[in-house]
Protein backbone atom coordinates (compact mmCIF):
# COMPACT_ATOMS: atom_id res chain seq x y z
CA UNK A 1 1.50 -15.69 -16.10
CA UNK A 2 4.49 -13.37 -16.05
CA UNK A 3 5.06 -10.51 -13.57
CA UNK A 4 5.99 -6.71 -13.62
CA UNK A 5 9.58 -7.28 -11.96
CA UNK A 6 10.16 -10.45 -13.98
CA UNK A 7 12.88 -10.96 -16.70
CA UNK A 8 11.03 -11.61 -20.13
CA UNK A 9 11.58 -14.32 -21.78
CA UNK A 10 14.13 -14.87 -24.28
CA UNK A 11 13.09 -15.23 -27.67
CA UNK A 12 13.83 -14.63 -31.49
CA UNK A 13 11.26 -14.10 -34.96
CA UNK A 14 11.66 -12.61 -37.68
CA UNK A 15 8.53 -10.48 -38.18
CA UNK A 16 6.85 -11.17 -41.23
CA UNK A 17 8.26 -7.73 -42.87
CA UNK A 18 10.92 -6.11 -41.02
CA UNK A 19 13.80 -6.96 -38.44
CA UNK A 20 14.12 -9.82 -36.52
CA UNK A 21 13.37 -9.28 -32.91
CA UNK A 22 15.34 -10.69 -29.98
CA UNK A 23 14.71 -10.22 -26.54
CA UNK A 24 16.63 -9.32 -24.39
CA UNK A 25 18.68 -7.83 -26.85
CA UNK A 26 15.99 -5.65 -28.90
CA UNK A 27 15.19 -4.13 -25.06
CA UNK A 28 19.41 -2.79 -24.43
CA UNK A 29 18.06 0.95 -25.31
CA UNK A 30 15.20 1.39 -25.05
CA UNK A 31 11.42 -0.23 -23.75
CA UNK A 32 9.23 -2.62 -26.09
CA UNK A 33 5.47 -3.20 -26.10
CA UNK A 34 4.63 -6.28 -27.15
CA UNK A 35 1.05 -7.41 -28.15
CA UNK A 36 -0.49 -10.66 -27.99
CA UNK A 37 -3.79 -10.92 -31.14
CA UNK A 38 -5.55 -13.52 -31.73
CA UNK A 39 -5.80 -15.41 -34.80
CA UNK A 40 -5.95 -12.15 -37.41
CA UNK A 41 -9.34 -13.70 -38.46
CA UNK A 42 -11.22 -13.01 -35.56
CA UNK A 43 -12.88 -9.53 -34.56
CA UNK A 44 -11.39 -8.96 -31.61
CA UNK A 45 -7.93 -8.96 -33.31
CA UNK A 46 -8.46 -6.48 -35.46
CA UNK A 47 -10.00 -4.08 -33.45
CA UNK A 48 -6.71 -4.56 -31.14
CA UNK A 49 -4.95 -3.72 -34.44
CA UNK A 50 -7.01 -0.75 -35.37
CA UNK A 51 -6.06 0.61 -31.98
CA UNK A 52 -2.90 0.24 -32.25
CA UNK A 53 -2.90 2.00 -35.34
CA UNK A 54 -5.04 4.47 -34.46
CA UNK A 55 -2.43 5.15 -31.15
CA UNK A 56 0.82 4.10 -33.03
CA UNK A 57 2.38 7.80 -33.30
CA UNK A 58 2.40 8.15 -29.65
CA UNK A 59 4.19 5.20 -29.05
CA UNK A 60 6.63 6.57 -31.56
CA UNK A 61 7.21 9.62 -30.35
CA UNK A 62 7.92 8.52 -27.36
CA UNK A 63 11.18 5.80 -29.13
CA UNK A 64 9.75 3.01 -28.12
CA UNK A 65 9.24 -0.05 -30.69
CA UNK A 66 5.38 -1.81 -30.66
CA UNK A 67 5.47 -5.78 -31.88
CA UNK A 68 2.42 -7.24 -32.62
CA UNK A 69 1.78 -11.62 -32.17
CA UNK A 70 -0.45 -13.75 -33.45
CA UNK A 71 -1.18 -17.33 -33.36
CA UNK A 72 -2.26 -16.63 -37.40
CA UNK A 73 -0.28 -18.28 -40.18
CA UNK A 74 2.92 -17.18 -41.88
CA UNK A 75 0.94 -16.76 -44.86
CA UNK A 76 -2.40 -15.36 -43.59
CA UNK A 77 0.30 -12.47 -41.19
CA UNK A 78 1.66 -11.77 -44.63
CA UNK A 79 -1.38 -11.22 -46.38
CA UNK A 80 -2.52 -9.10 -43.18
CA UNK A 81 -0.22 -6.43 -42.57
CA UNK A 82 0.22 -4.95 -45.51
CA UNK A 83 -3.74 -5.61 -46.26
CA UNK A 84 -4.50 -3.56 -43.71
CA UNK A 85 -1.35 -1.01 -43.66
CA UNK A 86 -0.59 -2.53 -40.32
CA UNK A 87 2.41 -0.07 -38.92
CA UNK A 88 4.26 -2.11 -36.47
CA UNK A 89 5.69 -5.77 -37.53
CA UNK A 90 3.82 -8.38 -36.76
CA UNK A 91 5.27 -11.73 -35.48
CA UNK A 92 3.24 -15.27 -37.07
CA UNK A 93 3.57 -17.22 -33.90
CA UNK A 94 1.87 -20.31 -35.42
CA UNK A 95 3.66 -22.76 -33.52
CA UNK A 96 2.82 -21.00 -29.91
CA UNK A 97 6.14 -20.75 -29.23
CA UNK A 98 6.32 -17.36 -27.69
CA UNK A 99 3.08 -17.24 -26.94
CA UNK A 100 3.13 -19.81 -24.28
CA UNK A 101 6.75 -18.14 -22.78
CA UNK A 102 4.66 -14.90 -22.10
CA UNK A 103 1.70 -17.29 -20.40
CA UNK A 104 -0.78 -16.21 -23.01
CA UNK A 105 -3.01 -19.18 -23.96
CA UNK A 106 -6.33 -19.84 -25.03
CA UNK A 107 -9.31 -19.09 -23.11
CA UNK A 108 -10.61 -20.97 -20.20
CA UNK A 109 -13.85 -22.76 -21.23
CA UNK A 110 -15.74 -20.81 -18.31
CA UNK A 111 -13.94 -17.24 -19.82
CA UNK A 112 -15.63 -18.24 -23.29
CA UNK A 113 -19.14 -18.97 -21.45
CA UNK A 114 -19.24 -16.29 -19.11
CA UNK A 115 -18.21 -14.27 -22.77
CA UNK A 116 -21.16 -15.20 -24.19
CA UNK A 117 -23.92 -14.15 -21.69
CA UNK A 118 -25.76 -11.34 -22.37
CA UNK A 119 -23.65 -8.72 -20.58
CA UNK A 120 -20.58 -10.39 -22.38
CA UNK A 121 -22.15 -10.14 -25.53
CA UNK A 122 -23.04 -6.15 -25.08
CA UNK A 123 -18.84 -5.43 -24.55
CA UNK A 124 -17.83 -7.44 -27.44
CA UNK A 125 -20.54 -5.24 -30.39
CA UNK A 126 -17.51 -2.96 -30.64
CA UNK A 127 -15.04 -5.34 -31.80
CA UNK A 128 -18.56 -7.19 -34.15
CA UNK A 129 -18.45 -4.49 -36.36
CA UNK A 130 -14.61 -4.76 -37.40
CA UNK A 131 -15.82 -8.32 -38.48
CA UNK A 132 -16.55 -11.26 -37.36
CA UNK A 133 -13.80 -13.43 -40.07
CA UNK A 134 -13.47 -17.15 -40.58
CA UNK A 135 -13.49 -19.23 -37.77
CA UNK A 136 -9.42 -20.47 -37.71
CA UNK A 137 -7.11 -21.97 -35.02
CA UNK A 138 -6.27 -19.50 -32.76
CA UNK A 139 -9.46 -17.27 -32.21
CA UNK A 140 -9.91 -18.93 -28.48
CA UNK A 141 -6.56 -16.98 -27.19
CA UNK A 142 -6.53 -14.97 -25.62
CA UNK A 143 -5.53 -10.76 -25.98
CA UNK A 144 -2.74 -9.55 -24.21
CA UNK A 145 0.35 -6.72 -24.00
CA UNK A 146 3.52 -6.14 -22.35
CA UNK A 147 6.00 -3.76 -21.78
CA UNK A 148 9.66 -5.15 -21.80
CA UNK A 149 11.96 -2.48 -20.05
CA UNK A 150 14.93 -1.30 -20.98
CA UNK A 151 17.22 -4.17 -20.04
CA UNK A 152 15.01 -6.85 -20.59
CA UNK A 153 12.01 -6.94 -17.49
CA UNK A 154 9.06 -6.93 -17.61
CA UNK A 155 7.82 -3.46 -16.43
CA UNK A 156 3.39 -3.50 -17.50
CA UNK A 157 1.54 -7.25 -17.81
CA UNK A 158 -2.05 -7.78 -18.92
CA UNK A 159 -3.85 -10.78 -19.92
CA UNK A 160 -7.45 -10.35 -21.60
CA UNK A 161 -9.54 -12.44 -19.86
CA UNK A 162 -12.87 -12.63 -21.79
CA UNK A 163 -13.69 -13.04 -25.94
CA UNK A 164 -13.70 -9.46 -26.74
CA UNK A 165 -10.98 -8.41 -24.65
CA UNK A 166 -9.29 -5.44 -26.64
CA UNK A 167 -5.83 -4.06 -26.14
CA UNK A 168 -6.42 -1.53 -23.68
CA UNK A 169 -3.97 1.67 -24.95
CA UNK A 170 -4.11 4.27 -21.84
CA UNK A 171 -2.55 1.68 -19.59
CA UNK A 172 -0.06 0.80 -21.93
CA UNK A 173 1.08 4.16 -22.76
CA UNK A 174 1.23 5.37 -18.88
CA UNK A 175 3.40 2.18 -18.38
CA UNK A 176 5.44 2.56 -21.17
CA UNK A 177 6.31 6.65 -20.04
CA UNK A 178 7.09 5.00 -16.94
CA UNK A 179 9.42 2.29 -18.28
CA UNK A 180 11.15 5.99 -19.83
CA UNK A 181 11.81 7.51 -16.63
């Protein structure tokens, strides 16, 4: 996993709608938030996208670009973004090239099993309220979020360890504010 202080790996990708995103070029003037979502068919992904949609204006007011990255197919991502009125660019990373560069991989068997215990399922009930979706490749990928500070250095990094780990908005916003100082 990438650590705070390391340089973000290079990638160049075109979101399903919008302008090409390139690191480090995209962070020459302002930080960027990268949110790695599991397959868009997963309940956790839908919950995470909904959380980001709800708080998107907070990031926008700070002048920070938010980019979502998912292992969902290009077709599924092209369908999802307008259907759910996603306010930020979504990149289909079907080959998991970007995810691999950032150390966002499939959850381990032990993480999956611990997610299915009664305590683990209790924490997943909120995510399940967003629907279960159809089983697809990428549903077992961890959720993750990164703040890439101006200049390309990782200012915040968190990779989920459970099937039910959704993005965490408050620590992400705090990290963005600190990277602006």
